[in-house]
Amino acid sequence: MTPGLTLQFLLVGALTLMHGWSLAVIGVSIVLGAEALQHGGIGAWAANLLCFGVVPATTTALIHRLLEARLPRNYFVYFFGAAFAGSLLAFLCASPARLALLWLAGSLPRAQVGEEYLLLLPMMALAEAFMNGLIVAIAVVYTPEWVISFDDRRYLHR
């Protein structure tokens, strides 16, 4: 792949649903800071935080709030809507944001985007959604107190 293009699993959707927007962004900033120090890319830390932290955390939080306001409150709506579809849409928003920043900076030719990156984006988005949904589902089943956005009284009791 072209240098500068990264394909990575974010897991920010699960982090946002489990700990809230602010702690998710703080967690991603710490991880990206450690990665930047290890690989010597501290100059791109803020752009990476925006694309891989703020955008997916905001997307996940907004989708969760929208689903809570508009759809019936049950476990399946929470799991498939907020955890699975929310993470899928968060990944599909974060990756084009990264591409747009690279393209605007002039470090990425447009032809390489379609050939290399956009071809793998749908597969990565489904894998991201599956992993986030699985993590949230397991956390809700075994330790629901770890998931700040899940409340037994709202989703399980009538």
Protein backbone atom coordinates (compact mmCIF):
# COMPACT_ATOMS: atom_id res chain seq x y z
CA MET A 1 0.00 0.00 0.00
CA THR A 2 0.95 3.61 -0.41
CA PRO A 3 2.90 5.11 2.51
CA GLY A 4 0.62 7.30 4.59
CA LEU A 5 -2.46 5.16 4.04
CA THR A 6 -3.28 3.07 7.04
CA LEU A 7 -5.87 0.40 7.52
CA GLN A 8 -6.50 -0.19 11.19
CA PHE A 9 -9.30 -1.19 13.42
CA LEU A 10 -10.42 1.71 15.55
CA LEU A 11 -12.70 0.11 18.17
CA VAL A 12 -13.72 3.64 19.10
CA GLY A 13 -17.40 2.73 18.82
CA ALA A 14 -17.13 0.22 21.64
CA LEU A 15 -15.01 2.62 23.66
CA THR A 16 -17.58 5.39 23.21
CA LEU A 17 -20.54 3.22 24.17
CA MET A 18 -18.69 1.76 27.14
CA HIS A 19 -17.09 4.88 28.60
CA GLY A 20 -18.65 7.91 26.94
CA TRP A 21 -17.43 10.38 24.33
CA SER A 22 -14.82 12.24 26.40
CA LEU A 23 -13.07 9.15 27.78
CA ALA A 24 -13.09 7.56 24.33
CA VAL A 25 -11.31 10.57 22.84
CA ILE A 26 -8.83 10.66 25.75
CA GLY A 27 -8.13 6.95 25.32
CA VAL A 28 -7.58 7.29 21.58
CA SER A 29 -5.32 10.30 22.12
CA ILE A 30 -3.12 8.30 24.50
CA VAL A 31 -2.89 5.37 22.08
CA LEU A 32 -2.15 7.62 19.12
CA GLY A 33 0.42 9.55 21.18
CA ALA A 34 2.25 6.34 22.08
CA GLU A 35 2.13 5.23 18.46
CA ALA A 36 3.43 8.61 17.28
CA LEU A 37 6.31 8.51 19.75
CA GLN A 38 7.19 4.97 18.77
CA HIS A 39 7.16 5.61 15.02
CA GLY A 40 8.33 9.22 15.05
CA GLY A 41 5.18 10.76 13.59
CA ILE A 42 4.30 13.24 16.32
CA GLY A 43 3.52 15.92 13.71
CA ALA A 44 0.49 13.96 12.48
CA TRP A 45 -0.89 13.29 15.97
CA ALA A 46 -3.56 16.01 15.87
CA ALA A 47 -4.81 15.00 12.41
CA ASN A 48 -4.89 11.35 13.43
CA LEU A 49 -6.76 12.22 16.61
CA LEU A 50 -9.33 14.13 14.60
CA CYS A 51 -9.81 11.34 12.06
CA PHE A 52 -9.42 8.26 14.26
CA GLY A 53 -10.79 9.61 17.53
CA VAL A 54 -13.09 12.61 17.36
CA VAL A 55 -14.96 11.74 14.15
CA PRO A 56 -15.83 8.10 15.03
CA ALA A 57 -16.60 8.89 18.69
CA THR A 58 -18.91 11.73 17.68
CA THR A 59 -20.60 9.61 15.02
CA THR A 60 -21.18 6.74 17.45
CA ALA A 61 -22.52 9.04 20.17
CA LEU A 62 -24.87 10.82 17.76
CA ILE A 63 -26.22 7.56 16.35
CA HIS A 64 -26.81 6.22 19.86
CA ARG A 65 -28.72 9.37 20.85
CA LEU A 66 -30.74 9.32 17.64
CA LEU A 67 -31.71 5.68 18.09
CA GLU A 68 -32.65 6.23 21.72
CA ALA A 69 -34.89 9.13 20.78
CA ARG A 70 -36.60 7.57 17.76
CA LEU A 71 -36.75 3.79 18.19
CA PRO A 72 -38.16 1.50 20.90
CA ARG A 73 -35.76 0.78 23.71
CA ASN A 74 -34.78 -2.85 23.64
CA TYR A 75 -31.56 -4.79 23.60
CA PHE A 76 -31.62 -5.60 19.87
CA VAL A 77 -32.05 -1.97 18.83
CA TYR A 78 -29.16 -1.05 21.12
CA PHE A 79 -26.93 -3.87 19.95
CA PHE A 80 -27.60 -3.83 16.21
CA GLY A 81 -28.30 -0.11 15.91
CA ALA A 82 -25.85 1.61 18.23
CA ALA A 83 -23.08 -0.96 18.53
CA PHE A 84 -23.05 -2.57 15.08
CA ALA A 85 -24.45 0.04 12.68
CA GLY A 86 -23.06 2.93 14.71
CA SER A 87 -19.55 1.49 14.51
CA LEU A 88 -19.96 0.76 10.82
CA LEU A 89 -20.99 4.35 10.08
CA ALA A 90 -18.29 5.71 12.39
CA PHE A 91 -15.64 3.78 10.46
CA LEU A 92 -17.12 4.89 7.15
CA CYS A 93 -16.91 8.53 8.33
CA ALA A 94 -13.43 8.30 9.85
CA SER A 95 -11.69 6.73 6.86
CA PRO A 96 -12.85 9.29 4.25
CA ALA A 97 -11.92 12.06 6.71
CA ARG A 98 -8.38 10.68 6.78
CA LEU A 99 -8.32 10.43 2.98
CA ALA A 100 -9.59 13.98 2.62
CA LEU A 101 -6.87 15.32 4.91
CA LEU A 102 -4.16 13.42 3.04
CA TRP A 103 -5.52 14.58 -0.31
CA LEU A 104 -5.83 18.23 0.82
CA ALA A 105 -2.27 18.11 2.14
CA GLY A 106 -1.11 16.99 -1.30
CA SER A 107 0.50 13.78 -0.06
CA LEU A 108 -1.92 11.42 -1.75
CA PRO A 109 -2.73 11.21 -5.46
CA ARG A 110 -6.41 10.67 -6.21
CA ALA A 111 -5.77 7.60 -8.40
CA GLN A 112 -4.25 5.63 -5.53
CA VAL A 113 -7.25 6.22 -3.32
CA GLY A 114 -9.63 4.29 -5.55
CA GLU A 115 -7.22 1.52 -6.41
CA GLU A 116 -5.94 0.71 -2.97
CA TYR A 117 -8.05 2.17 -0.23
CA LEU A 118 -11.66 2.33 -1.35
CA LEU A 119 -11.47 -1.28 -2.46
CA LEU A 120 -10.75 -2.47 1.08
CA LEU A 121 -12.95 0.02 2.94
CA PRO A 122 -16.24 -1.99 2.88
CA MET A 123 -14.54 -5.15 4.13
CA MET A 124 -12.78 -3.29 6.91
CA ALA A 125 -16.00 -1.49 7.88
CA LEU A 126 -17.88 -4.76 8.32
CA ALA A 127 -15.05 -6.25 10.38
CA GLU A 128 -14.92 -3.10 12.51
CA ALA A 129 -18.67 -3.22 13.11
CA PHE A 130 -18.56 -6.91 13.98
CA MET A 131 -15.72 -6.47 16.50
CA ASN A 132 -17.33 -3.44 18.15
CA GLY A 133 -20.70 -5.17 18.34
CA LEU A 134 -19.12 -8.29 19.80
CA ILE A 135 -17.17 -6.35 22.43
CA VAL A 136 -20.22 -4.36 23.51
CA ALA A 137 -22.45 -7.46 23.57
CA ILE A 138 -19.98 -9.41 25.70
CA ALA A 139 -19.51 -6.47 28.05
CA VAL A 140 -23.29 -6.02 28.42
CA VAL A 141 -23.81 -9.71 29.16
CA TYR A 142 -20.97 -10.23 31.64
CA THR A 143 -20.29 -6.79 33.13
CA PRO A 144 -23.11 -4.38 32.24
CA GLU A 145 -21.79 -1.83 34.74
CA TRP A 146 -18.82 -1.27 32.40
CA VAL A 147 -21.10 -0.04 29.63
CA ILE A 148 -22.17 3.48 30.54
CA SER A 149 -24.70 3.77 27.70
CA PHE A 150 -26.54 0.57 28.62
CA ASP A 151 -29.11 0.56 31.42
CA ASP A 152 -30.89 -2.66 32.36
CA ARG A 153 -34.02 -0.79 33.39
CA ARG A 154 -34.35 0.86 29.99
CA TYR A 155 -33.47 -2.02 27.70
CA LEU A 156 -34.54 -5.20 29.48
CA HIS A 157 -37.41 -4.44 31.85
CA ARG A 158 -40.91 -3.45 30.80
